[in-house]
PDB file of N, CA and C in Angstrom:
ATOM      1  N   MET A   1      26.790   7.742   3.417  1.00  0.00           N
ATOM      2  CA  MET A   1      26.444   6.400   3.034  1.00  0.00           C
ATOM      3  C   MET A   1      25.880   6.450   1.607  1.00  0.00           C
ATOM      4  N   ALA A   2      26.227   5.494   0.794  1.00  0.00           N
ATOM      5  CA  ALA A   2      25.665   5.406  -0.552  1.00  0.00           C
ATOM      6  C   ALA A   2      24.194   4.997  -0.449  1.00  0.00           C
ATOM      7  N   LEU A   3      23.360   5.517  -1.323  1.00  0.00           N
ATOM      8  CA  LEU A   3      21.935   5.189  -1.274  1.00  0.00           C
ATOM      9  C   LEU A   3      21.703   3.683  -1.433  1.00  0.00           C
ATOM     10  N   SER A   4      22.558   3.024  -2.191  1.00  0.00           N
ATOM     11  CA  SER A   4      22.407   1.575  -2.378  1.00  0.00           C
ATOM     12  C   SER A   4      22.624   0.809  -1.072  1.00  0.00           C
ATOM     13  N   ASP A   5      23.313   1.419  -0.103  1.00  0.00           N
ATOM     14  CA  ASP A   5      23.549   0.768   1.190  1.00  0.00           C
ATOM     15  C   ASP A   5      22.274   0.630   2.017  1.00  0.00           C
ATOM     16  N   TYR A   6      21.232   1.359   1.669  1.00  0.00           N
ATOM     17  CA  TYR A   6      19.967   1.262   2.397  1.00  0.00           C
ATOM     18  C   TYR A   6      19.150   0.035   1.968  1.00  0.00           C
ATOM     19  N   THR A   7      19.460  -0.512   0.806  1.00  0.00           N
ATOM     20  CA  THR A   7      18.735  -1.681   0.296  1.00  0.00           C
ATOM     21  C   THR A   7      18.848  -2.846   1.281  1.00  0.00           C
ATOM     22  N   GLY A   8      17.710  -3.455   1.570  1.00  0.00           N
ATOM     23  CA  GLY A   8      17.677  -4.596   2.486  1.00  0.00           C
ATOM     24  C   GLY A   8      17.479  -4.228   3.942  1.00  0.00           C
ATOM     25  N   ARG A   9      17.562  -2.948   4.260  1.00  0.00           N
ATOM     26  CA  ARG A   9      17.377  -2.521   5.646  1.00  0.00           C
ATOM     27  C   ARG A   9      15.896  -2.338   5.957  1.00  0.00           C
ATOM     28  N   SER A  10      15.561  -2.452   7.223  1.00  0.00           N
ATOM     29  CA  SER A  10      14.178  -2.283   7.678  1.00  0.00           C
ATOM     30  C   SER A  10      14.143  -1.228   8.769  1.00  0.00           C
ATOM     31  N   PRO A  11      13.094  -0.395   8.764  1.00  0.00           N
ATOM     32  CA  PRO A  11      12.962   0.578   9.839  1.00  0.00           C
ATOM     33  C   PRO A  11      12.672  -0.132  11.157  1.00  0.00           C
ATOM     34  N   THR A  12      13.139   0.430  12.232  1.00  0.00           N
ATOM     35  CA  THR A  12      12.936  -0.131  13.557  1.00  0.00           C
ATOM     36  C   THR A  12      11.463  -0.377  13.821  1.00  0.00           C
ATOM     37  N   GLY A  13      11.134  -1.582  14.258  1.00  0.00           N
ATOM     38  CA  GLY A  13       9.766  -1.890  14.636  1.00  0.00           C
ATOM     39  C   GLY A  13       8.800  -2.069  13.491  1.00  0.00           C
ATOM     40  N   ARG A  14       9.285  -2.160  12.270  1.00  0.00           N
ATOM     41  CA  ARG A  14       8.395  -2.290  11.106  1.00  0.00           C
ATOM     42  C   ARG A  14       8.684  -3.604  10.387  1.00  0.00           C
ATOM     43  N   ASP A  15       7.679  -4.152   9.793  1.00  0.00           N
ATOM     44  CA  ASP A  15       7.819  -5.386   9.028  1.00  0.00           C
ATOM     45  C   ASP A  15       7.851  -5.069   7.537  1.00  0.00           C
ATOM     46  N   GLU A  16       8.775  -4.220   7.140  1.00  0.00           N
ATOM     47  CA  GLU A  16       8.944  -3.874   5.738  1.00  0.00           C
ATOM     48  C   GLU A  16      10.426  -3.701   5.458  1.00  0.00           C
ATOM     49  N   THR A  17      10.793  -3.905   4.204  1.00  0.00           N
ATOM     50  CA  THR A  17      12.197  -3.861   3.804  1.00  0.00           C
ATOM     51  C   THR A  17      12.367  -2.902   2.639  1.00  0.00           C
ATOM     52  N   ILE A  18      13.435  -2.143   2.682  1.00  0.00           N
ATOM     53  CA  ILE A  18      13.739  -1.221   1.588  1.00  0.00           C
ATOM     54  C   ILE A  18      14.271  -2.015   0.407  1.00  0.00           C
ATOM     55  N   VAL A  19      13.628  -1.827  -0.734  1.00  0.00           N
ATOM     56  CA  VAL A  19      14.032  -2.500  -1.962  1.00  0.00           C
ATOM     57  C   VAL A  19      15.016  -1.638  -2.742  1.00  0.00           C
ATOM     58  N   ARG A  20      14.763  -0.316  -2.732  1.00  0.00           N
ATOM     59  CA  ARG A  20      15.677   0.594  -3.432  1.00  0.00           C
ATOM     60  C   ARG A  20      15.438   2.024  -2.964  1.00  0.00           C
ATOM     61  N   VAL A  21      16.490   2.837  -3.059  1.00  0.00           N
ATOM     62  CA  VAL A  21      16.407   4.266  -2.763  1.00  0.00           C
ATOM     63  C   VAL A  21      17.095   5.001  -3.907  1.00  0.00           C
ATOM     64  N   VAL A  22      16.412   6.004  -4.447  1.00  0.00           N
ATOM     65  CA  VAL A  22      16.977   6.768  -5.561  1.00  0.00           C
ATOM     66  C   VAL A  22      16.649   8.250  -5.401  1.00  0.00           C
ATOM     67  N   PRO A  23      17.529   9.122  -5.907  1.00  0.00           N
ATOM     68  CA  PRO A  23      17.169  10.536  -5.984  1.00  0.00           C
ATOM     69  C   PRO A  23      15.987  10.641  -6.951  1.00  0.00           C
ATOM     70  N   HIS A  24      15.080  11.544  -6.675  1.00  0.00           N
ATOM     71  CA  HIS A  24      13.858  11.600  -7.477  1.00  0.00           C
ATOM     72  C   HIS A  24      13.429  13.040  -7.683  1.00  0.00           C
ATOM     73  N   ARG A  25      12.822  13.280  -8.813  1.00  0.00           N
ATOM     74  CA  ARG A  25      12.232  14.583  -9.113  1.00  0.00           C
ATOM     75  C   ARG A  25      11.168  14.334 -10.171  1.00  0.00           C
ATOM     76  N   LEU A  26       9.936  14.550  -9.822  1.00  0.00           N
ATOM     77  CA  LEU A  26       8.815  14.313 -10.727  1.00  0.00           C
ATOM     78  C   LEU A  26       8.419  15.639 -11.345  1.00  0.00           C
ATOM     79  N   TRP A  27       8.593  15.739 -12.638  1.00  0.00           N
ATOM     80  CA  TRP A  27       8.267  16.986 -13.311  1.00  0.00           C
ATOM     81  C   TRP A  27       7.194  16.731 -14.355  1.00  0.00           C
ATOM     82  N   ARG A  28       6.065  17.374 -14.153  1.00  0.00           N
ATOM     83  CA  ARG A  28       4.958  17.294 -15.108  1.00  0.00           C
ATOM     84  C   ARG A  28       4.429  18.709 -15.316  1.00  0.00           C
ATOM     85  N   PRO A  29       4.504  19.221 -16.516  1.00  0.00           N
ATOM     86  CA  PRO A  29       3.996  20.573 -16.773  1.00  0.00           C
ATOM     87  C   PRO A  29       2.532  20.703 -16.355  1.00  0.00           C
ATOM     88  N   GLY A  30       2.236  21.724 -15.573  1.00  0.00           N
ATOM     89  CA  GLY A  30       0.868  21.990 -15.163  1.00  0.00           C
ATOM     90  C   GLY A  30       0.334  21.091 -14.069  1.00  0.00           C
ATOM     91  N   ASP A  31       1.166  20.226 -13.509  1.00  0.00           N
ATOM     92  CA  ASP A  31       0.701  19.293 -12.481  1.00  0.00           C
ATOM     93  C   ASP A  31       1.687  19.300 -11.316  1.00  0.00           C
ATOM     94  N   GLU A  32       1.298  19.889 -10.207  1.00  0.00           N
ATOM     95  CA  GLU A  32       2.165  19.976  -9.036  1.00  0.00           C
ATOM     96  C   GLU A  32       1.701  18.955  -7.997  1.00  0.00           C
ATOM     97  N   ARG A  33       2.434  17.874  -7.866  1.00  0.00           N
ATOM     98  CA  ARG A  33       2.077  16.832  -6.905  1.00  0.00           C
ATOM     99  C   ARG A  33       2.845  17.052  -5.610  1.00  0.00           C
ATOM    100  N   ILE A  34       2.144  16.919  -4.494  1.00  0.00           N
ATOM    101  CA  ILE A  34       2.742  17.108  -3.174  1.00  0.00           C
ATOM    102  C   ILE A  34       2.472  15.863  -2.343  1.00  0.00           C
ATOM    103  N   GLU A  35       3.507  15.387  -1.655  1.00  0.00           N
ATOM    104  CA  GLU A  35       3.395  14.218  -0.775  1.00  0.00           C
ATOM    105  C   GLU A  35       4.091  14.550   0.544  1.00  0.00           C
ATOM    106  N   PRO A  36       3.694  13.917   1.645  1.00  0.00           N
ATOM    107  CA  PRO A  36       4.374  14.155   2.914  1.00  0.00           C
ATOM    108  C   PRO A  36       5.683  13.372   3.006  1.00  0.00           C
ATOM    109  N   CYS A  37       6.657  13.954   3.675  1.00  0.00           N
ATOM    110  CA  CYS A  37       7.890  13.234   3.997  1.00  0.00           C
ATOM    111  C   CYS A  37       7.504  12.116   4.968  1.00  0.00           C
ATOM    112  N   THR A  38       7.917  10.909   4.683  1.00  0.00           N
ATOM    113  CA  THR A  38       7.554   9.767   5.511  1.00  0.00           C
ATOM    114  C   THR A  38       8.045   9.934   6.943  1.00  0.00           C
ATOM    115  N   TYR A  39       9.182  10.573   7.127  1.00  0.00           N
ATOM    116  CA  TYR A  39       9.725  10.743   8.475  1.00  0.00           C
ATOM    117  C   TYR A  39       9.088  11.915   9.216  1.00  0.00           C
ATOM    118  N   SER A  40       9.114  13.097   8.608  1.00  0.00           N
ATOM    119  CA  SER A  40       8.706  14.306   9.332  1.00  0.00           C
ATOM    120  C   SER A  40       7.261  14.729   9.087  1.00  0.00           C
ATOM    121  N   GLY A  41       6.670  14.247   7.996  1.00  0.00           N
ATOM    122  CA  GLY A  41       5.328  14.685   7.642  1.00  0.00           C
ATOM    123  C   GLY A  41       5.309  16.001   6.875  1.00  0.00           C
ATOM    124  N   GLU A  42       6.466  16.644   6.759  1.00  0.00           N
ATOM    125  CA  GLU A  42       6.583  17.905   6.025  1.00  0.00           C
ATOM    126  C   GLU A  42       6.195  17.684   4.562  1.00  0.00           C
ATOM    127  N   GLN A  43       5.470  18.634   3.989  1.00  0.00           N
ATOM    128  CA  GLN A  43       5.027  18.515   2.601  1.00  0.00           C
ATOM    129  C   GLN A  43       6.203  18.686   1.641  1.00  0.00           C
ATOM    130  N   ILE A  44       6.306  17.772   0.672  1.00  0.00           N
ATOM    131  CA  ILE A  44       7.367  17.810  -0.337  1.00  0.00           C
ATOM    132  C   ILE A  44       6.727  18.007  -1.701  1.00  0.00           C
ATOM    133  N   ARG A  45       7.193  19.013  -2.407  1.00  0.00           N
ATOM    134  CA  ARG A  45       6.777  19.170  -3.803  1.00  0.00           C
ATOM    135  C   ARG A  45       7.625  18.188  -4.603  1.00  0.00           C
ATOM    136  N   LEU A  46       6.985  17.256  -5.254  1.00  0.00           N
ATOM    137  CA  LEU A  46       7.735  16.223  -5.956  1.00  0.00           C
ATOM    138  C   LEU A  46       8.487  16.759  -7.161  1.00  0.00           C
ATOM    139  N   SER A  47       8.233  18.007  -7.540  1.00  0.00           N
ATOM    140  CA  SER A  47       9.008  18.623  -8.615  1.00  0.00           C
ATOM    141  C   SER A  47      10.372  19.093  -8.105  1.00  0.00           C
ATOM    142  N   GLU A  48      10.574  19.101  -6.791  1.00  0.00           N
ATOM    143  CA  GLU A  48      11.862  19.452  -6.186  1.00  0.00           C
ATOM    144  C   GLU A  48      12.616  18.171  -5.846  1.00  0.00           C
ATOM    145  N   LYS A  49      13.938  18.253  -5.782  1.00  0.00           N
ATOM    146  CA  LYS A  49      14.736  17.071  -5.476  1.00  0.00           C
ATOM    147  C   LYS A  49      14.356  16.494  -4.111  1.00  0.00           C
ATOM    148  N   HIS A  50      14.253  15.184  -4.045  1.00  0.00           N
ATOM    149  CA  HIS A  50      13.959  14.457  -2.820  1.00  0.00           C
ATOM    150  C   HIS A  50      14.410  13.018  -3.037  1.00  0.00           C
ATOM    151  N   LEU A  51      14.195  12.164  -2.051  1.00  0.00           N
ATOM    152  CA  LEU A  51      14.526  10.753  -2.200  1.00  0.00           C
ATOM    153  C   LEU A  51      13.250   9.926  -2.275  1.00  0.00           C
ATOM    154  N   LEU A  52      13.277   8.944  -3.129  1.00  0.00           N
ATOM    155  CA  LEU A  52      12.190   7.988  -3.257  1.00  0.00           C
ATOM    156  C   LEU A  52      12.706   6.643  -2.771  1.00  0.00           C
ATOM    157  N   ALA A  53      12.033   6.075  -1.790  1.00  0.00           N
ATOM    158  CA  ALA A  53      12.371   4.740  -1.302  1.00  0.00           C
ATOM    159  C   ALA A  53      11.211   3.812  -1.632  1.00  0.00           C
ATOM    160  N   VAL A  54      11.531   2.680  -2.218  1.00  0.00           N
ATOM    161  CA  VAL A  54      10.522   1.660  -2.481  1.00  0.00           C
ATOM    162  C   VAL A  54      10.685   0.616  -1.378  1.00  0.00           C
ATOM    163  N   VAL A  55       9.597   0.390  -0.635  1.00  0.00           N
ATOM    164  CA  VAL A  55       9.634  -0.595   0.453  1.00  0.00           C
ATOM    165  C   VAL A  55       8.660  -1.722   0.131  1.00  0.00           C
ATOM    166  N   GLU A  56       8.994  -2.904   0.636  1.00  0.00           N
ATOM    167  CA  GLU A  56       8.149  -4.072   0.400  1.00  0.00           C
ATOM    168  C   GLU A  56       7.700  -4.660   1.724  1.00  0.00           C
ATOM    169  N   ARG A  57       6.412  -4.989   1.771  1.00  0.00           N
ATOM    170  CA  ARG A  57       5.836  -5.627   2.952  1.00  0.00           C
ATOM    171  C   ARG A  57       4.835  -6.666   2.465  1.00  0.00           C
ATOM    172  N   ASP A  58       5.039  -7.888   2.860  1.00  0.00           N
ATOM    173  CA  ASP A  58       4.154  -8.989   2.451  1.00  0.00           C
ATOM    174  C   ASP A  58       3.981  -9.050   0.934  1.00  0.00           C
ATOM    175  N   GLY A  59       5.062  -8.822   0.202  1.00  0.00           N
ATOM    176  CA  GLY A  59       5.031  -8.919  -1.256  1.00  0.00           C
ATOM    177  C   GLY A  59       4.453  -7.715  -1.970  1.00  0.00           C
ATOM    178  N   VAL A  60       4.053  -6.693  -1.220  1.00  0.00           N
ATOM    179  CA  VAL A  60       3.476  -5.478  -1.812  1.00  0.00           C
ATOM    180  C   VAL A  60       4.500  -4.350  -1.698  1.00  0.00           C
ATOM    181  N   ARG A  61       4.746  -3.682  -2.808  1.00  0.00           N
ATOM    182  CA  ARG A  61       5.704  -2.570  -2.818  1.00  0.00           C
ATOM    183  C   ARG A  61       4.974  -1.236  -2.764  1.00  0.00           C
ATOM    184  N   GLU A  62       5.530  -0.327  -1.978  1.00  0.00           N
ATOM    185  CA  GLU A  62       4.976   1.016  -1.837  1.00  0.00           C
ATOM    186  C   GLU A  62       6.094   2.035  -1.949  1.00  0.00           C
ATOM    187  N   ARG A  63       5.732   3.231  -2.365  1.00  0.00           N
ATOM    188  CA  ARG A  63       6.691   4.336  -2.453  1.00  0.00           C
ATOM    189  C   ARG A  63       6.644   5.154  -1.180  1.00  0.00           C
ATOM    190  N   ARG A  64       7.804   5.555  -0.715  1.00  0.00           N
ATOM    191  CA  ARG A  64       7.928   6.457   0.423  1.00  0.00           C
ATOM    192  C   ARG A  64       8.809   7.618  -0.037  1.00  0.00           C
ATOM    193  N   TYR A  65       8.435   8.821   0.361  1.00  0.00           N
ATOM    194  CA  TYR A  65       9.167  10.015  -0.050  1.00  0.00           C
ATOM    195  C   TYR A  65       9.857  10.625   1.166  1.00  0.00           C
ATOM    196  N   PHE A  66      11.092  11.071   0.973  1.00  0.00           N
ATOM    197  CA  PHE A  66      11.883  11.683   2.037  1.00  0.00           C
ATOM    198  C   PHE A  66      12.496  12.982   1.538  1.00  0.00           C
ATOM    199  N   ARG A  67      12.526  13.978   2.414  1.00  0.00           N
ATOM    200  CA  ARG A  67      13.095  15.280   2.066  1.00  0.00           C
ATOM    201  C   ARG A  67      14.560  15.118   1.650  1.00  0.00           C
ATOM    202  N   ASP A  68      15.321  14.316   2.409  1.00  0.00           N
ATOM    203  CA  ASP A  68      16.743  14.135   2.134  1.00  0.00           C
ATOM    204  C   ASP A  68      17.235  12.873   2.845  1.00  0.00           C
ATOM    205  N   GLU A  69      18.518  12.606   2.719  1.00  0.00           N
ATOM    206  CA  GLU A  69      19.073  11.386   3.302  1.00  0.00           C
ATOM    207  C   GLU A  69      19.012  11.390   4.829  1.00  0.00           C
ATOM    208  N   SER A  70      19.137  12.554   5.455  1.00  0.00           N
ATOM    209  CA  SER A  70      19.065  12.587   6.920  1.00  0.00           C
ATOM    210  C   SER A  70      17.671  12.179   7.404  1.00  0.00           C
ATOM    211  N   SER A  71      16.632  12.522   6.664  1.00  0.00           N
ATOM    212  CA  SER A  71      15.265  12.096   7.020  1.00  0.00           C
ATOM    213  C   SER A  71      15.116  10.591   6.872  1.00  0.00           C
ATOM    214  N   LEU A  72      15.663  10.036   5.807  1.00  0.00           N
ATOM    215  CA  LEU A  72      15.613   8.586   5.604  1.00  0.00           C
ATOM    216  C   LEU A  72      16.356   7.864   6.709  1.00  0.00           C
ATOM    217  N   SER A  73      17.535   8.334   7.033  1.00  0.00           N
ATOM    218  CA  SER A  73      18.341   7.717   8.080  1.00  0.00           C
ATOM    219  C   SER A  73      17.636   7.779   9.436  1.00  0.00           C
ATOM    220  N   ALA A  74      17.058   8.921   9.759  1.00  0.00           N
ATOM    221  CA  ALA A  74      16.341   9.076  11.032  1.00  0.00           C
ATOM    222  C   ALA A  74      15.134   8.145  11.083  1.00  0.00           C
ATOM    223  N   TRP A  75      14.426   7.989   9.973  1.00  0.00           N
ATOM    224  CA  TRP A  75      13.277   7.088   9.918  1.00  0.00           C
ATOM    225  C   TRP A  75      13.708   5.652  10.195  1.00  0.00           C
ATOM    226  N   LEU A  76      14.854   5.268   9.645  1.00  0.00           N
ATOM    227  CA  LEU A  76      15.354   3.906   9.866  1.00  0.00           C
ATOM    228  C   LEU A  76      15.791   3.684  11.311  1.00  0.00           C
ATOM    229  N   GLU A  77      16.446   4.669  11.884  1.00  0.00           N
ATOM    230  CA  GLU A  77      17.063   4.493  13.201  1.00  0.00           C
ATOM    231  C   GLU A  77      16.164   4.851  14.368  1.00  0.00           C
ATOM    232  N   GLU A  78      15.297   5.841  14.209  1.00  0.00           N
ATOM    233  CA  GLU A  78      14.639   6.413  15.377  1.00  0.00           C
ATOM    234  C   GLU A  78      13.119   6.354  15.384  1.00  0.00           C
ATOM    235  N   ASN A  79      12.492   6.014  14.287  1.00  0.00           N
ATOM    236  CA  ASN A  79      11.065   6.234  14.219  1.00  0.00           C
ATOM    237  C   ASN A  79      10.259   4.966  13.939  1.00  0.00           C
ATOM    238  N   PRO A  80       9.967   4.191  14.941  1.00  0.00           N
ATOM    239  CA  PRO A  80       9.171   2.987  14.739  1.00  0.00           C
ATOM    240  C   PRO A  80       7.688   3.301  14.613  1.00  0.00           C
ATOM    241  N   ARG A  81       7.258   3.735  13.441  1.00  0.00           N
ATOM    242  CA  ARG A  81       5.841   4.061  13.238  1.00  0.00           C
ATOM    243  C   ARG A  81       5.086   2.829  12.806  1.00  0.00           C
TER     244      ARG A  81
END
């Protein structure tokens, strides 16, 4: 599935909508930022390739990080958190 196909979709049981999904890699010399994968909770080094999803809920946008597309897809289909 193209990443743009996720736009407008909502995770099961959640009141939020995906605004955009893009491949992401945050590189800052001397600064190693780590965030959890929204689906699995596994730690992601943002300097490594991953997916960034921007979701909106009640007019507020937030960033969600995913290890890969299979994690994003599973979060949408199977994980009503």
